[in-house]
C-alpha atoms as a PDB file:
ATOM      1  CA  MET A   1      -0.071  -0.085   0.594  1.00  0.00           C
ATOM      2  CA  THR A   2       1.739   3.601  -1.190  1.00  0.00           C
ATOM      3  CA  PRO A   3       1.356   6.502   1.765  1.00  0.00           C
ATOM      4  CA  GLN A   4      -1.304   8.025  -0.295  1.00  0.00           C
ATOM      5  CA  GLN A   5      -3.299   4.637   0.703  1.00  0.00           C
ATOM      6  CA  LYS A   6      -2.589   5.101   4.329  1.00  0.00           C
ATOM      7  CA  VAL A   7      -4.115   8.650   4.366  1.00  0.00           C
ATOM      8  CA  HIS A   8      -6.318   7.799   2.104  1.00  0.00           C
ATOM      9  CA  GLU A   9      -8.042   4.627   4.348  1.00  0.00           C
ATOM     10  CA  VAL A  10      -8.471   7.515   7.042  1.00  0.00           C
ATOM     11  CA  LEU A  11      -9.082  11.160   4.904  1.00  0.00           C
ATOM     12  CA  GLY A  12     -10.766   9.854   1.777  1.00  0.00           C
ATOM     13  CA  LEU A  13     -10.332  10.919  -1.560  1.00  0.00           C
ATOM     14  CA  PRO A  14      -8.972  14.419  -1.549  1.00  0.00           C
ATOM     15  CA  MET A  15     -10.316  17.815  -3.756  1.00  0.00           C
ATOM     16  CA  VAL A  16      -7.021  17.315  -6.261  1.00  0.00           C
ATOM     17  CA  GLY A  17      -3.663  14.864  -6.159  1.00  0.00           C
ATOM     18  CA  GLY A  18      -1.130  13.954  -7.781  1.00  0.00           C
ATOM     19  CA  PRO A  19       2.944  14.213  -9.041  1.00  0.00           C
ATOM     20  CA  VAL A  20       3.950  17.077  -8.477  1.00  0.00           C
ATOM     21  CA  CYS A  21       6.157  17.009 -12.358  1.00  0.00           C
ATOM     22  CA  ASN A  22       8.480  15.111 -13.883  1.00  0.00           C
ATOM     23  CA  GLN A  23      11.717  16.454 -12.697  1.00  0.00           C
ATOM     24  CA  MET A  24      10.586  16.352  -9.269  1.00  0.00           C
ATOM     25  CA  PRO A  25       9.506  13.898  -6.961  1.00  0.00           C
ATOM     26  CA  LEU A  26       7.332  15.254  -5.374  1.00  0.00           C
ATOM     27  CA  TYR A  27       3.611  13.449  -4.776  1.00  0.00           C
ATOM     28  CA  ALA A  28       1.045  16.471  -3.697  1.00  0.00           C
ATOM     29  CA  GLU A  29      -2.730  16.402  -1.457  1.00  0.00           C
ATOM     30  CA  ARG A  30      -5.025  19.099  -1.500  1.00  0.00           C
ATOM     31  CA  TYR A  31      -8.189  18.324   1.429  1.00  0.00           C
ATOM     32  CA  PHE A  32     -11.250  20.058   2.846  1.00  0.00           C
ATOM     33  CA  LEU A  33     -12.252  18.018   5.874  1.00  0.00           C
ATOM     34  CA  HIS A  34     -14.998  19.287   8.886  1.00  0.00           C
ATOM     35  CA  GLU A  35     -14.754  18.177  11.952  1.00  0.00           C
ATOM     36  CA  THR A  36     -12.579  15.575  12.980  1.00  0.00           C
ATOM     37  CA  ASP A  37     -11.026  13.215  15.621  1.00  0.00           C
ATOM     38  CA  LEU A  38      -8.449  11.026  14.386  1.00  0.00           C
ATOM     39  CA  ASP A  39      -5.680   9.112  14.535  1.00  0.00           C
ATOM     40  CA  MET A  40      -3.581   8.452  11.797  1.00  0.00           C
ATOM     41  CA  ALA A  41      -0.669   5.788  11.010  1.00  0.00           C
ATOM     42  CA  PRO A  42       2.141   6.120  10.302  1.00  0.00           C
ATOM     43  CA  VAL A  43       2.995   6.451   6.237  1.00  0.00           C
ATOM     44  CA  GLY A  44       6.568   5.654   5.596  1.00  0.00           C
ATOM     45  CA  VAL A  45       7.448   9.153   4.403  1.00  0.00           C
ATOM     46  CA  MET A  46       7.819  12.147   5.253  1.00  0.00           C
ATOM     47  CA  THR A  47       4.907  14.784   5.052  1.00  0.00           C
ATOM     48  CA  LEU A  48       4.822  18.517   4.886  1.00  0.00           C
ATOM     49  CA  LEU A  49       1.217  19.788   5.850  1.00  0.00           C
ATOM     50  CA  THR A  50      -0.083  23.243   5.045  1.00  0.00           C
ATOM     51  CA  GLN A  51      -3.091  24.634   6.074  1.00  0.00           C
ATOM     52  CA  PHE A  52      -4.987  27.313   4.173  1.00  0.00           C
ATOM     53  CA  GLY A  53      -7.213  28.190   5.368  1.00  0.00           C
ATOM     54  CA  GLY A  54     -10.412  26.924   8.089  1.00  0.00           C
ATOM     55  CA  SER A  55     -10.067  26.117  11.779  1.00  0.00           C
ATOM     56  CA  ARG A  56      -7.298  25.307  14.204  1.00  0.00           C
ATOM     57  CA  VAL A  57      -5.899  21.954  14.428  1.00  0.00           C
ATOM     58  CA  GLU A  58      -3.978  20.409  17.453  1.00  0.00           C
ATOM     59  CA  GLU A  59      -2.226  17.597  17.676  1.00  0.00           C
ATOM     60  CA  GLY A  60      -1.811  14.896  19.993  1.00  0.00           C
ATOM     61  CA  THR A  61      -4.365  13.816  22.571  1.00  0.00           C
ATOM     62  CA  ASP A  62      -6.275  15.392  25.626  1.00  0.00           C
ATOM     63  CA  GLU A  63      -3.571  14.198  27.786  1.00  0.00           C
ATOM     64  CA  THR A  64      -0.568  14.701  25.127  1.00  0.00           C
ATOM     65  CA  SER A  65      -1.024  18.131  22.749  1.00  0.00           C
ATOM     66  CA  ARG A  66       1.635  18.321  21.036  1.00  0.00           C
ATOM     67  CA  LEU A  67       0.810  22.067  19.665  1.00  0.00           C
ATOM     68  CA  SER A  68      -1.615  23.281  17.339  1.00  0.00           C
ATOM     69  CA  THR A  69      -1.589  24.948  13.805  1.00  0.00           C
ATOM     70  CA  LEU A  70      -3.451  27.828  12.672  1.00  0.00           C
ATOM     71  CA  PRO A  71      -4.397  28.989   8.655  1.00  0.00           C
ATOM     72  CA  SER A  72      -0.303  29.539   7.224  1.00  0.00           C
ATOM     73  CA  MET A  73       0.560  27.304   9.353  1.00  0.00           C
ATOM     74  CA  SER A  74       3.293  24.145   8.271  1.00  0.00           C
ATOM     75  CA  MET A  75       3.781  21.304   9.635  1.00  0.00           C
ATOM     76  CA  LEU A  76       6.961  18.416   9.100  1.00  0.00           C
ATOM     77  CA  MET A  77       6.042  14.932   9.418  1.00  0.00           C
ATOM     78  CA  PRO A  78       8.569  12.499  11.016  1.00  0.00           C
ATOM     79  CA  ALA A  79       7.601   9.480   9.059  1.00  0.00           C
ATOM     80  CA  HIS A  80       7.737   7.205  10.585  1.00  0.00           C
ATOM     81  CA  CYS A  81       5.495   9.785  13.393  1.00  0.00           C
ATOM     82  CA  ALA A  82       1.501   8.883  14.767  1.00  0.00           C
ATOM     83  CA  THR A  83      -0.086  11.521  14.984  1.00  0.00           C
ATOM     84  CA  HIS A  84      -3.295  12.679  16.131  1.00  0.00           C
ATOM     85  CA  TRP A  85      -6.241  15.539  14.822  1.00  0.00           C
ATOM     86  CA  ARG A  86      -8.302  17.166  17.011  1.00  0.00           C
ATOM     87  CA  TYR A  87     -11.146  20.221  15.393  1.00  0.00           C
ATOM     88  CA  SER A  88     -14.581  22.315  14.661  1.00  0.00           C
ATOM     89  CA  GLY A  89     -14.772  23.320  11.620  1.00  0.00           C
ATOM     90  CA  SER A  90     -13.375  23.404   8.330  1.00  0.00           C
ATOM     91  CA  VAL A  91     -10.184  22.662   7.147  1.00  0.00           C
ATOM     92  CA  ASP A  92      -8.559  22.732   3.359  1.00  0.00           C
ATOM     93  CA  PHE A  93      -5.060  22.053   3.459  1.00  0.00           C
ATOM     94  CA  ALA A  94      -2.480  20.023   1.891  1.00  0.00           C
ATOM     95  CA  VAL A  95       0.212  16.657   2.086  1.00  0.00           C
ATOM     96  CA  PHE A  96       3.514  16.747   0.523  1.00  0.00           C
ATOM     97  CA  TYR A  97       4.287  13.209   0.507  1.00  0.00           C
ATOM     98  CA  ILE A  98       8.613  13.504   0.413  1.00  0.00           C
ATOM     99  CA  PRO A  99      10.255  10.785  -1.268  1.00  0.00           C
ATOM    100  CA  GLU A 100      12.381   8.809   0.960  1.00  0.00           C
ATOM    101  CA  ARG A 101      16.421  10.275  -0.813  1.00  0.00           C
ATOM    102  CA  CYS A 102      19.189  11.151   0.917  1.00  0.00           C
ATOM    103  CA  ASP A 103      20.105  13.562  -2.028  1.00  0.00           C
ATOM    104  CA  GLY A 104      20.725  17.646  -1.877  1.00  0.00           C
ATOM    105  CA  VAL A 105      16.824  19.250   0.507  1.00  0.00           C
ATOM    106  CA  PHE A 106      15.631  15.897   0.787  1.00  0.00           C
ATOM    107  CA  GLY A 107      19.498  15.006   2.854  1.00  0.00           C
ATOM    108  CA  ARG A 108      17.955  17.952   4.477  1.00  0.00           C
ATOM    109  CA  LEU A 109      15.106  17.288   5.884  1.00  0.00           C
ATOM    110  CA  LEU A 110      15.684  14.078   6.911  1.00  0.00           C
ATOM    111  CA  GLU A 111      18.371  15.682   9.057  1.00  0.00           C
ATOM    112  CA  CYS A 112      15.058  17.875  10.482  1.00  0.00           C
ATOM    113  CA  CYS A 113      13.173  14.525  11.424  1.00  0.00           C
ATOM    114  CA  ALA A 114      16.516  13.197  12.636  1.00  0.00           C
ATOM    115  CA  ARG A 115      16.201  14.300  16.362  1.00  0.00           C
ATOM    116  CA  THR A 116      12.935  14.371  16.971  1.00  0.00           C
ATOM    117  CA  GLN A 117       9.349  11.308  16.451  1.00  0.00           C
ATOM    118  CA  ALA A 118       7.165  14.877  16.119  1.00  0.00           C
ATOM    119  CA  PRO A 119       6.120  16.533  14.670  1.00  0.00           C
ATOM    120  CA  LEU A 120       7.194  20.225  13.162  1.00  0.00           C
ATOM    121  CA  ALA A 121       5.715  23.093  13.099  1.00  0.00           C
ATOM    122  CA  PHE A 122       6.665  26.399  11.424  1.00  0.00           C
ATOM    123  CA  SER A 123       5.304  29.074  10.452  1.00  0.00           C
ATOM    124  CA  ASP A 124       6.265  30.912   6.129  1.00  0.00           C
ATOM    125  CA  ALA A 125       4.676  33.181   4.458  1.00  0.00           C
ATOM    126  CA  LEU A 126       6.780  31.385   1.637  1.00  0.00           C
ATOM    127  CA  VAL A 127       6.273  28.123   2.072  1.00  0.00           C
ATOM    128  CA  SER A 128       2.720  28.008   1.875  1.00  0.00           C
ATOM    129  CA  ALA A 129       2.512  30.742  -1.113  1.00  0.00           C
ATOM    130  CA  ALA A 130       4.594  28.076  -2.719  1.00  0.00           C
ATOM    131  CA  ALA A 131       2.209  25.293  -1.262  1.00  0.00           C
ATOM    132  CA  ARG A 132      -0.193  27.135  -2.448  1.00  0.00           C
ATOM    133  CA  GLN A 133       0.839  27.892  -5.847  1.00  0.00           C
ATOM    134  CA  LEU A 134       2.057  24.833  -6.259  1.00  0.00           C
ATOM    135  CA  LEU A 135      -1.718  22.887  -5.682  1.00  0.00           C
ATOM    136  CA  ASP A 136      -3.185  25.709  -7.956  1.00  0.00           C
ATOM    137  CA  GLU A 137      -1.033  24.695 -10.681  1.00  0.00           C
ATOM    138  CA  LEU A 138      -1.429  21.160 -10.151  1.00  0.00           C
ATOM    139  CA  ASN A 139      -5.476  22.600 -10.619  1.00  0.00           C
ATOM    140  CA  LEU A 140      -4.558  22.750 -14.569  1.00  0.00           C
ATOM    141  CA  GLY A 141      -3.986  19.182 -14.683  1.00  0.00           C
ATOM    142  CA  LYS A 142      -2.141  19.451 -18.746  1.00  0.00           C
ATOM    143  CA  LYS A 143      -2.257  22.720 -18.146  1.00  0.00           C
ATOM    144  CA  ALA A 144       0.319  23.311 -15.806  1.00  0.00           C
ATOM    145  CA  ASP A 145       3.306  24.070 -16.662  1.00  0.00           C
ATOM    146  CA  GLN A 146       6.524  21.505 -15.317  1.00  0.00           C
ATOM    147  CA  GLY A 147       8.916  23.406 -15.442  1.00  0.00           C
ATOM    148  CA  PHE A 148       7.753  26.491 -13.323  1.00  0.00           C
ATOM    149  CA  MET A 149       5.678  23.632 -10.669  1.00  0.00           C
ATOM    150  CA  ALA A 150      10.021  22.078 -10.047  1.00  0.00           C
ATOM    151  CA  GLN A 151      11.641  24.992 -10.249  1.00  0.00           C
ATOM    152  CA  LEU A 152       8.600  26.360  -7.443  1.00  0.00           C
ATOM    153  CA  ALA A 153       9.071  23.450  -5.522  1.00  0.00           C
ATOM    154  CA  ALA A 154      12.644  23.249  -5.114  1.00  0.00           C
ATOM    155  CA  VAL A 155      12.601  26.774  -3.118  1.00  0.00           C
ATOM    156  CA  MET A 156       9.586  25.498  -0.893  1.00  0.00           C
ATOM    157  CA  LEU A 157      11.650  22.169   0.113  1.00  0.00           C
ATOM    158  CA  GLU A 158      14.431  24.522   0.356  1.00  0.00           C
ATOM    159  CA  GLN A 159      12.334  27.663   2.551  1.00  0.00           C
ATOM    160  CA  VAL A 160      10.625  24.262   4.315  1.00  0.00           C
ATOM    161  CA  CYS A 161      15.059  24.035   5.899  1.00  0.00           C
ATOM    162  CA  ARG A 162      15.772  27.031   6.329  1.00  0.00           C
ATOM    163  CA  ALA A 163      12.415  26.954   8.543  1.00  0.00           C
ATOM    164  CA  LEU A 164      13.160  24.634  10.438  1.00  0.00           C
ATOM    165  CA  ARG A 165      17.215  25.797  10.848  1.00  0.00           C
ATOM    166  CA  MET A 166      15.227  29.085  12.517  1.00  0.00           C
ATOM    167  CA  GLN A 167      13.581  27.542  14.845  1.00  0.00           C
ATOM    168  CA  THR A 168      15.794  26.589  18.291  1.00  0.00           C
ATOM    169  CA  PRO A 169      14.559  23.435  19.582  1.00  0.00           C
ATOM    170  CA  GLY A 170      11.897  24.371  23.002  1.00  0.00           C
ATOM    171  CA  SER A 171      11.181  27.716  21.531  1.00  0.00           C
ATOM    172  CA  ILE A 172       8.006  29.295  22.170  1.00  0.00           C
ATOM    173  CA  ASN A 173       6.457  30.648  18.704  1.00  0.00           C
ATOM    174  CA  PRO A 174       6.635  34.414  18.704  1.00  0.00           C
ATOM    175  CA  PRO A 175       3.329  34.306  16.715  1.00  0.00           C
ATOM    176  CA  HIS A 176       1.473  32.353  19.447  1.00  0.00           C
ATOM    177  CA  ILE A 177       1.765  34.885  22.346  1.00  0.00           C
ATOM    178  CA  GLN A 178       0.582  37.516  20.106  1.00  0.00           C
ATOM    179  CA  LEU A 179      -2.722  35.055  18.947  1.00  0.00           C
ATOM    180  CA  ALA A 180      -3.552  35.079  22.851  1.00  0.00           C
ATOM    181  CA  ARG A 181      -4.166  39.437  22.241  1.00  0.00           C
ATOM    182  CA  LEU A 182      -5.794  38.365  19.071  1.00  0.00           C
ATOM    183  CA  GLN A 183      -8.426  35.910  20.641  1.00  0.00           C
ATOM    184  CA  SER A 184     -11.530  37.686  20.832  1.00  0.00           C
ATOM    185  CA  VAL A 185     -10.622  39.691  17.413  1.00  0.00           C
ATOM    186  CA  VAL A 186      -9.911  36.674  15.813  1.00  0.00           C
ATOM    187  CA  ALA A 187     -13.947  35.817  17.504  1.00  0.00           C
ATOM    188  CA  TYR A 188     -15.787  38.099  16.321  1.00  0.00           C
ATOM    189  CA  MET A 189     -14.953  37.583  12.894  1.00  0.00           C
ATOM    190  CA  ARG A 190     -16.404  34.285  13.117  1.00  0.00           C
ATOM    191  CA  GLU A 191     -19.571  34.935  14.436  1.00  0.00           C
ATOM    192  CA  HIS A 192     -20.418  38.502  12.308  1.00  0.00           C
ATOM    193  CA  LEU A 193     -18.837  37.630   8.357  1.00  0.00           C
ATOM    194  CA  ALA A 194     -21.327  38.667   7.016  1.00  0.00           C
ATOM    195  CA  GLU A 195     -21.438  42.857   9.197  1.00  0.00           C
ATOM    196  CA  ASP A 196     -18.236  45.104   7.951  1.00  0.00           C
ATOM    197  CA  LEU A 197     -14.346  42.797   8.959  1.00  0.00           C
ATOM    198  CA  SER A 198     -12.444  46.078   7.554  1.00  0.00           C
ATOM    199  CA  ILE A 199      -9.714  47.223   8.950  1.00  0.00           C
ATOM    200  CA  ASN A 200     -10.968  49.896  10.972  1.00  0.00           C
ATOM    201  CA  GLN A 201     -13.807  47.985  12.291  1.00  0.00           C
ATOM    202  CA  LEU A 202     -11.300  45.680  13.540  1.00  0.00           C
ATOM    203  CA  ALA A 203      -8.919  47.838  14.835  1.00  0.00           C
ATOM    204  CA  THR A 204     -11.636  49.399  16.827  1.00  0.00           C
ATOM    205  CA  ARG A 205     -12.124  46.354  18.390  1.00  0.00           C
ATOM    206  CA  ALA A 206      -8.714  45.600  19.051  1.00  0.00           C
ATOM    207  CA  GLY A 207      -8.751  49.028  20.902  1.00  0.00           C
ATOM    208  CA  VAL A 208      -5.280  49.837  18.631  1.00  0.00           C
ATOM    209  CA  SER A 209      -4.733  51.735  15.350  1.00  0.00           C
ATOM    210  CA  PRO A 210      -5.262  50.169  11.981  1.00  0.00           C
ATOM    211  CA  ALA A 211      -1.467  49.995  10.739  1.00  0.00           C
ATOM    212  CA  HIS A 212      -1.152  48.719  14.450  1.00  0.00           C
ATOM    213  CA  PHE A 213      -2.967  46.248  14.048  1.00  0.00           C
ATOM    214  CA  ARG A 214      -2.063  45.238  11.346  1.00  0.00           C
ATOM    215  CA  ARG A 215       1.235  44.840  11.349  1.00  0.00           C
ATOM    216  CA  LEU A 216      -0.464  42.232  14.746  1.00  0.00           C
ATOM    217  CA  PHE A 217      -2.335  40.321  13.345  1.00  0.00           C
ATOM    218  CA  ASP A 218       0.229  38.898  10.946  1.00  0.00           C
ATOM    219  CA  ASN A 219       3.051  38.591  13.214  1.00  0.00           C
ATOM    220  CA  ALA A 220       0.453  36.531  14.764  1.00  0.00           C
ATOM    221  CA  MET A 221      -1.351  34.924  12.590  1.00  0.00           C
ATOM    222  CA  GLY A 222       0.962  34.210   9.290  1.00  0.00           C
ATOM    223  CA  ILE A 223      -1.309  35.769   7.383  1.00  0.00           C
ATOM    224  CA  ALA A 224      -2.728  39.732   6.947  1.00  0.00           C
ATOM    225  CA  PRO A 225      -6.313  40.548   8.345  1.00  0.00           C
ATOM    226  CA  HIS A 226      -8.637  40.983   5.285  1.00  0.00           C
ATOM    227  CA  ARG A 227      -7.285  37.190   3.635  1.00  0.00           C
ATOM    228  CA  TYR A 228      -7.449  35.846   7.067  1.00  0.00           C
ATOM    229  CA  VAL A 229     -11.493  37.113   6.354  1.00  0.00           C
ATOM    230  CA  MET A 230     -11.882  35.112   2.383  1.00  0.00           C
ATOM    231  CA  HIS A 231     -10.031  32.501   4.372  1.00  0.00           C
ATOM    232  CA  LEU A 232     -13.367  32.639   6.475  1.00  0.00           C
ATOM    233  CA  ARG A 233     -15.942  33.124   4.619  1.00  0.00           C
ATOM    234  CA  LEU A 234     -14.931  31.164   1.967  1.00  0.00           C
ATOM    235  CA  GLU A 235     -14.573  28.239   4.587  1.00  0.00           C
ATOM    236  CA  HIS A 236     -18.225  28.909   5.585  1.00  0.00           C
ATOM    237  CA  SER A 237     -19.473  29.192   2.086  1.00  0.00           C
ATOM    238  CA  ARG A 238     -18.030  25.827   2.044  1.00  0.00           C
ATOM    239  CA  GLU A 239     -19.897  24.310   4.968  1.00  0.00           C
ATOM    240  CA  LEU A 240     -23.106  25.781   3.941  1.00  0.00           C
ATOM    241  CA  LEU A 241     -22.089  24.171   0.105  1.00  0.00           C
ATOM    242  CA  MET A 242     -22.038  20.851   1.471  1.00  0.00           C
ATOM    243  CA  GLN A 243     -24.977  21.084   4.460  1.00  0.00           C
ATOM    244  CA  THR A 244     -27.470  22.369   3.501  1.00  0.00           C
ATOM    245  CA  ASP A 245     -29.520  23.665  -0.015  1.00  0.00           C
ATOM    246  CA  LEU A 246     -29.383  27.452   0.814  1.00  0.00           C
ATOM    247  CA  PRO A 247     -29.824  28.875  -2.737  1.00  0.00           C
ATOM    248  CA  ILE A 248     -25.666  30.294  -3.722  1.00  0.00           C
ATOM    249  CA  LEU A 249     -26.950  33.881  -3.279  1.00  0.00           C
ATOM    250  CA  HIS A 250     -28.040  33.794  -0.006  1.00  0.00           C
ATOM    251  CA  VAL A 251     -24.857  32.076   0.714  1.00  0.00           C
ATOM    252  CA  ALA A 252     -22.822  34.432   0.056  1.00  0.00           C
ATOM    253  CA  LEU A 253     -24.850  37.096   1.735  1.00  0.00           C
ATOM    254  CA  GLU A 254     -24.311  34.786   4.093  1.00  0.00           C
ATOM    255  CA  CYS A 255     -20.703  34.832   4.464  1.00  0.00           C
ATOM    256  CA  GLY A 256     -20.726  38.309   3.666  1.00  0.00           C
ATOM    257  CA  PHE A 257     -19.871  38.273  -0.142  1.00  0.00           C
ATOM    258  CA  SER A 258     -21.744  41.288  -2.164  1.00  0.00           C
ATOM    259  CA  SER A 259     -23.516  39.020  -4.750  1.00  0.00           C
ATOM    260  CA  GLN A 260     -23.582  35.799  -5.811  1.00  0.00           C
ATOM    261  CA  SER A 261     -20.816  36.745  -8.675  1.00  0.00           C
ATOM    262  CA  HIS A 262     -18.168  38.228  -5.963  1.00  0.00           C
ATOM    263  CA  LEU A 263     -18.778  34.590  -3.998  1.00  0.00           C
ATOM    264  CA  THR A 264     -17.766  32.773  -7.519  1.00  0.00           C
ATOM    265  CA  ALA A 265     -15.259  34.586  -8.721  1.00  0.00           C
ATOM    266  CA  ALA A 266     -13.616  34.214  -5.040  1.00  0.00           C
ATOM    267  CA  PHE A 267     -14.194  30.361  -4.435  1.00  0.00           C
ATOM    268  CA  LYS A 268     -13.113  29.634  -8.106  1.00  0.00           C
ATOM    269  CA  THR A 269      -9.819  31.466  -7.155  1.00  0.00           C
ATOM    270  CA  ALA A 270      -8.615  29.682  -3.990  1.00  0.00           C
ATOM    271  CA  HIS A 271     -10.378  26.087  -5.046  1.00  0.00           C
ATOM    272  CA  GLY A 272     -10.490  26.099  -8.553  1.00  0.00           C
ATOM    273  CA  VAL A 273     -14.325  24.811  -9.181  1.00  0.00           C
ATOM    274  CA  THR A 274     -16.872  27.055  -9.183  1.00  0.00           C
ATOM    275  CA  PRO A 275     -19.610  27.379  -5.274  1.00  0.00           C
ATOM    276  CA  ALA A 276     -22.489  25.337  -7.777  1.00  0.00           C
ATOM    277  CA  GLN A 277     -19.551  22.522  -9.378  1.00  0.00           C
ATOM    278  CA  PHE A 278     -18.095  21.863  -5.118  1.00  0.00           C
ATOM    279  CA  ARG A 279     -21.608  22.074  -4.069  1.00  0.00           C
ATOM    280  CA  ALA A 280     -22.034  19.367  -6.937  1.00  0.00           C
ATOM    281  CA  ARG A 281     -19.221  16.954  -5.620  1.00  0.00           C
ATOM    282  CA  SER A 282     -20.593  17.809  -1.767  1.00  0.00           C
ATOM    283  CA  GLY A 283     -23.770  16.095  -3.205  1.00  0.00           C
ATOM    284  CA  VAL A 284     -26.275  17.790  -2.406  1.00  0.00           C
ATOM    285  CA  GLY A 285     -28.818  18.756  -5.337  1.00  0.00           C
ATOM    286  CA  ARG A 286     -30.073  22.200  -5.254  1.00  0.00           C
ATOM    287  CA  ASP A 287     -28.948  25.268  -7.744  1.00  0.00           C
END
């Protein structure tokens, strides 16, 4: 059984998946999952997980919780590391299966994992952006630019090494310290998606200037406030599309989009399909 098949047994089939390109021996998949509490056995190869959007993800059991991730964060999993995942709401993430090789960047990644049998979490904007672009390109199928994907994958893996080398064992991740100051604002975002969530409005709730709020949020979350709001709105739209038969216009307005066309454009940019196509795949028969 391949590593991918082991993951499919637990998570089901991904929204998109396949080899990154002919020049780079890397396999990638993208998942949209909703509310889970599951055990994942070791898959036999290193994997890189990058969260694009959705809820906070907790790794570990109640007794041995090891870490949590948020949108824009990544995690390098050693080959023989078993994990337990918990989250509520929806999560949008990518999995990259890293081949068992000792040359070049693959060898350096093995060295990073050799120091521990626990997941290695980090936040790096370049890794997150490269991972998202790779999955978007992979979604193009035969139209994907193989050369571009090979270069992008190489940069992504090199940056993973650099990001992990910059972290010292046992250090506290500064974004998690800052996050405590923003919890009430993040909760407000989730509860008021249909309302005005501009930088000025959010900064007022946080009691700081818009410029300071933007820096504080970006440092804590690894993502700009307006992009995080979009993540939340798209997350909620996926939930409504999968779990209700509301007309797509109503879904758009409920999630804070100005119109159905606004939702459709944002949804297709993020996921490569329209809301109607996504709903059809999920088996909800309306629109």
